[in-house]
């Protein structure tokens, strides 16, 4: 049986990504999947790679950094809708 434990993380949140990884050490899961909700690679992906590399040296738990989500054609339309909603309110 697979158990999913969702943890949302935003760069502006009080808890840092490193803290979130540290907290994952206390879970009973054998693997942790990190799915970056990013539109492009760059400095944020490099930071994630660095933190994951650091934590894997301290545990036998498996950390998997998935590919970033990337751009999708529907994102532009969704952003336009949200801006329009914001301007109307």
C-alpha atoms as a PDB file:
ATOM      1  CA  UNK A   1       0.000   0.000   0.000  1.00  0.00           C
ATOM      2  CA  UNK A   2       1.315   3.450  -0.932  1.00  0.00           C
ATOM      3  CA  UNK A   3       0.797   6.344   1.449  1.00  0.00           C
ATOM      4  CA  UNK A   4       1.092   9.892   0.189  1.00  0.00           C
ATOM      5  CA  UNK A   5       1.963  12.700   2.560  1.00  0.00           C
ATOM      6  CA  UNK A   6       1.558  16.067   0.896  1.00  0.00           C
ATOM      7  CA  UNK A   7       3.718  18.972   1.916  1.00  0.00           C
ATOM      8  CA  UNK A   8       3.407  22.238   0.071  1.00  0.00           C
ATOM      9  CA  UNK A   9       6.371  24.542   0.137  1.00  0.00           C
ATOM     10  CA  UNK A  10       6.704  28.087  -1.054  1.00  0.00           C
ATOM     11  CA  UNK A  11       9.953  30.011  -1.177  1.00  0.00           C
ATOM     12  CA  UNK A  12       8.319  32.798   0.825  1.00  0.00           C
ATOM     13  CA  UNK A  13       7.138  30.460   3.589  1.00  0.00           C
ATOM     14  CA  UNK A  14       8.626  30.614   7.058  1.00  0.00           C
ATOM     15  CA  UNK A  15       9.936  27.073   6.968  1.00  0.00           C
ATOM     16  CA  UNK A  16      12.809  26.673   4.565  1.00  0.00           C
ATOM     17  CA  UNK A  17      13.161  23.849   2.102  1.00  0.00           C
ATOM     18  CA  UNK A  18      16.103  22.551   4.153  1.00  0.00           C
ATOM     19  CA  UNK A  19      13.902  22.467   7.277  1.00  0.00           C
ATOM     20  CA  UNK A  20      11.201  20.621   5.371  1.00  0.00           C
ATOM     21  CA  UNK A  21      13.754  18.033   4.245  1.00  0.00           C
ATOM     22  CA  UNK A  22      15.019  17.676   7.816  1.00  0.00           C
ATOM     23  CA  UNK A  23      11.449  17.087   9.022  1.00  0.00           C
ATOM     24  CA  UNK A  24      11.039  14.362   6.402  1.00  0.00           C
ATOM     25  CA  UNK A  25      13.728  12.370   8.207  1.00  0.00           C
ATOM     26  CA  UNK A  26      11.180  11.761  10.976  1.00  0.00           C
ATOM     27  CA  UNK A  27       8.624  10.156   8.669  1.00  0.00           C
ATOM     28  CA  UNK A  28       8.306   6.424   8.190  1.00  0.00           C
ATOM     29  CA  UNK A  29       8.543   6.643   4.405  1.00  0.00           C
ATOM     30  CA  UNK A  30      11.438   5.010   2.605  1.00  0.00           C
ATOM     31  CA  UNK A  31      11.480   7.514  -0.236  1.00  0.00           C
ATOM     32  CA  UNK A  32      10.778  11.220  -0.571  1.00  0.00           C
ATOM     33  CA  UNK A  33       9.850  12.630  -3.965  1.00  0.00           C
ATOM     34  CA  UNK A  34      10.513  16.319  -4.522  1.00  0.00           C
ATOM     35  CA  UNK A  35       8.425  17.695  -7.375  1.00  0.00           C
ATOM     36  CA  UNK A  36       9.445  21.280  -8.153  1.00  0.00           C
ATOM     37  CA  UNK A  37       6.502  23.427  -9.203  1.00  0.00           C
ATOM     38  CA  UNK A  38       8.684  25.590 -11.422  1.00  0.00           C
ATOM     39  CA  UNK A  39       8.277  26.835 -14.954  1.00  0.00           C
ATOM     40  CA  UNK A  40      12.003  26.777 -15.721  1.00  0.00           C
ATOM     41  CA  UNK A  41      15.281  25.522 -14.342  1.00  0.00           C
ATOM     42  CA  UNK A  42      17.877  27.787 -12.869  1.00  0.00           C
ATOM     43  CA  UNK A  43      19.060  28.935  -9.487  1.00  0.00           C
ATOM     44  CA  UNK A  44      16.073  27.437  -7.633  1.00  0.00           C
ATOM     45  CA  UNK A  45      16.666  23.967  -9.123  1.00  0.00           C
ATOM     46  CA  UNK A  46      20.355  24.190  -8.283  1.00  0.00           C
ATOM     47  CA  UNK A  47      19.419  25.055  -4.694  1.00  0.00           C
ATOM     48  CA  UNK A  48      17.081  22.061  -4.491  1.00  0.00           C
ATOM     49  CA  UNK A  49      19.794  19.783  -5.879  1.00  0.00           C
ATOM     50  CA  UNK A  50      22.288  21.106  -3.309  1.00  0.00           C
ATOM     51  CA  UNK A  51      19.924  20.594  -0.346  1.00  0.00           C
ATOM     52  CA  UNK A  52      18.955  17.090  -1.467  1.00  0.00           C
ATOM     53  CA  UNK A  53      22.590  16.165  -2.023  1.00  0.00           C
ATOM     54  CA  UNK A  54      23.392  17.370   1.506  1.00  0.00           C
ATOM     55  CA  UNK A  55      20.597  15.441   3.214  1.00  0.00           C
ATOM     56  CA  UNK A  56      21.264  12.179   1.371  1.00  0.00           C
ATOM     57  CA  UNK A  57      24.687  12.120   3.034  1.00  0.00           C
ATOM     58  CA  UNK A  58      23.014  11.930   6.458  1.00  0.00           C
ATOM     59  CA  UNK A  59      20.449   9.161   5.898  1.00  0.00           C
ATOM     60  CA  UNK A  60      19.690   5.992   4.009  1.00  0.00           C
ATOM     61  CA  UNK A  61      16.277   7.349   3.062  1.00  0.00           C
ATOM     62  CA  UNK A  62      16.002   7.816  -0.695  1.00  0.00           C
ATOM     63  CA  UNK A  63      15.367  11.360  -1.978  1.00  0.00           C
ATOM     64  CA  UNK A  64      14.291  11.727  -5.589  1.00  0.00           C
ATOM     65  CA  UNK A  65      14.325  15.125  -7.273  1.00  0.00           C
ATOM     66  CA  UNK A  66      11.823  14.955 -10.122  1.00  0.00           C
ATOM     67  CA  UNK A  67      11.928  17.143 -13.201  1.00  0.00           C
ATOM     68  CA  UNK A  68      10.361  20.568 -12.835  1.00  0.00           C
ATOM     69  CA  UNK A  69       6.840  20.859 -14.214  1.00  0.00           C
ATOM     70  CA  UNK A  70       7.742  23.345 -16.918  1.00  0.00           C
ATOM     71  CA  UNK A  71       5.619  25.423 -19.217  1.00  0.00           C
ATOM     72  CA  UNK A  72       2.219  24.330 -20.475  1.00  0.00           C
ATOM     73  CA  UNK A  73       0.237  26.237 -23.147  1.00  0.00           C
ATOM     74  CA  UNK A  74      -2.804  26.559 -20.864  1.00  0.00           C
ATOM     75  CA  UNK A  75      -0.826  28.472 -18.219  1.00  0.00           C
ATOM     76  CA  UNK A  76      -0.969  31.701 -20.244  1.00  0.00           C
ATOM     77  CA  UNK A  77      -4.759  31.559 -20.467  1.00  0.00           C
ATOM     78  CA  UNK A  78      -5.137  30.756 -16.774  1.00  0.00           C
ATOM     79  CA  UNK A  79      -2.924  33.700 -15.817  1.00  0.00           C
ATOM     80  CA  UNK A  80      -4.974  35.993 -18.056  1.00  0.00           C
ATOM     81  CA  UNK A  81      -8.188  34.786 -16.372  1.00  0.00           C
ATOM     82  CA  UNK A  82      -6.765  35.380 -12.884  1.00  0.00           C
ATOM     83  CA  UNK A  83      -5.591  38.892 -13.777  1.00  0.00           C
ATOM     84  CA  UNK A  84      -8.989  39.692 -15.272  1.00  0.00           C
ATOM     85  CA  UNK A  85     -10.712  38.387 -12.089  1.00  0.00           C
ATOM     86  CA  UNK A  86      -8.394  40.501  -9.949  1.00  0.00           C
ATOM     87  CA  UNK A  87      -9.056  43.646 -11.961  1.00  0.00           C
ATOM     88  CA  UNK A  88     -12.829  43.085 -11.850  1.00  0.00           C
ATOM     89  CA  UNK A  89     -12.868  42.785  -8.052  1.00  0.00           C
END
